[in-house]
Amino acid sequence: MPELRTARGRISAYGLACGYAESAYHGRVNVTLWAEHGVYHVRAHDHGNKRRVFWKSFHRLSDARKHFDHARVLIVAHNATWADADAEAAAMA
């Protein structure tokens, strides 16, 4: 049976296909990576301001992971402003 996690501890493509998701939280902000119908989605929400920061979709898991990791660092770890997050998301599109 395929593994749900990779050797690095991340959810595998199989795990994502089974409905698992990766999430990172910081206060009122969360960034989530999940799969649906063969497409990988990365979405950030600011629950305090009740708005979605961005939602990007990718055909390759590697691209989705890069965007998820970048968003997590930008938004969660460094408390960047939403203007920075929006600009970065637009640059990666």
Protein backbone atom coordinates (compact mmCIF):
# COMPACT_ATOMS: atom_id res chain seq x y z
CA MET A 1 0.00 0.00 0.00
CA PRO A 2 1.34 3.48 -0.83
CA GLU A 3 2.47 5.69 2.03
CA LEU A 4 0.44 8.68 3.24
CA ARG A 5 3.61 10.63 4.11
CA THR A 6 6.90 11.22 2.36
CA ALA A 7 10.29 10.55 3.93
CA ARG A 8 10.38 14.26 4.85
CA GLY A 9 7.08 13.99 6.73
CA ARG A 10 4.89 15.77 4.19
CA ILE A 11 1.60 14.42 2.91
CA SER A 12 2.31 12.33 -0.20
CA ALA A 13 0.48 12.65 -3.53
CA TYR A 14 -1.41 9.49 -2.53
CA GLY A 15 -2.35 11.04 0.82
CA LEU A 16 -3.56 14.22 -0.88
CA ALA A 17 -5.60 12.12 -3.33
CA CYS A 18 -7.17 10.34 -0.32
CA GLY A 19 -8.39 13.66 1.07
CA TYR A 20 -5.61 14.65 3.45
CA ALA A 21 -4.36 18.26 3.41
CA GLU A 22 -1.36 20.22 4.64
CA SER A 23 -2.06 23.37 6.65
CA ALA A 24 -0.02 26.03 8.38
CA TYR A 25 -1.59 28.38 10.92
CA HIS A 26 -0.45 31.63 12.46
CA GLY A 27 -3.02 33.38 14.59
CA ARG A 28 -5.98 34.15 12.39
CA VAL A 29 -4.25 33.19 9.12
CA ASN A 30 -4.05 29.76 7.57
CA VAL A 31 -2.47 28.41 4.37
CA THR A 32 -3.72 25.07 3.02
CA LEU A 33 -2.56 22.65 0.31
CA TRP A 34 -4.97 19.95 -0.91
CA ALA A 35 -5.86 17.94 -4.01
CA GLU A 36 -9.18 17.69 -5.79
CA HIS A 37 -9.92 15.94 -9.11
CA GLY A 38 -6.23 15.67 -10.00
CA VAL A 39 -5.51 19.35 -9.36
CA TYR A 40 -3.50 20.69 -6.41
CA HIS A 41 -4.80 23.81 -4.67
CA VAL A 42 -3.05 26.29 -2.38
CA ARG A 43 -5.22 28.77 -0.53
CA ALA A 44 -4.62 31.37 2.19
CA HIS A 45 -7.36 32.83 4.38
CA ASP A 46 -7.32 35.67 6.86
CA HIS A 47 -10.12 34.61 9.19
CA GLY A 48 -9.82 37.76 11.27
CA ASN A 49 -10.65 40.00 8.31
CA LYS A 50 -12.89 37.33 6.76
CA ARG A 51 -11.19 37.35 3.40
CA ARG A 52 -9.33 35.00 1.14
CA VAL A 53 -5.82 36.21 0.44
CA PHE A 54 -5.30 33.97 -2.59
CA TRP A 55 -6.28 30.65 -4.16
CA LYS A 56 -3.98 29.13 -6.78
CA SER A 57 -4.34 25.80 -8.60
CA PHE A 58 -1.56 23.66 -10.09
CA HIS A 59 -1.29 20.52 -12.20
CA ARG A 60 2.01 19.48 -10.62
CA LEU A 61 2.45 18.76 -6.92
CA SER A 62 5.98 20.17 -6.98
CA ASP A 63 4.66 23.56 -8.14
CA ALA A 64 1.92 23.52 -5.50
CA ARG A 65 4.42 22.65 -2.75
CA LYS A 66 6.71 25.51 -3.81
CA HIS A 67 3.82 27.96 -3.67
CA PHE A 68 2.61 26.57 -0.32
CA ASP A 69 6.09 26.79 1.20
CA HIS A 70 6.62 30.30 -0.13
CA ALA A 71 3.23 31.47 1.17
CA ARG A 72 3.84 29.85 4.55
CA VAL A 73 7.17 31.64 4.94
CA LEU A 74 5.84 34.95 3.66
CA ILE A 75 2.56 35.03 5.55
CA VAL A 76 2.98 32.79 8.58
CA ALA A 77 6.61 33.03 9.68
CA HIS A 78 7.32 36.66 8.84
CA ASN A 79 3.90 38.29 9.32
CA ALA A 80 4.10 40.02 5.95
CA THR A 81 1.42 42.49 4.98
CA TRP A 82 -1.36 41.36 2.68
CA ALA A 83 -0.13 43.75 0.01
CA ASP A 84 3.16 41.79 0.01
CA ALA A 85 1.27 38.49 -0.15
CA ASP A 86 -0.93 39.66 -3.02
CA ALA A 87 2.08 40.95 -4.96
CA GLU A 88 4.01 37.72 -4.44
CA ALA A 89 1.02 35.60 -5.48
CA ALA A 90 0.60 37.67 -8.64
CA ALA A 91 4.31 37.34 -9.43
CA MET A 92 4.15 33.54 -9.11
CA ALA A 93 1.07 33.25 -11.38
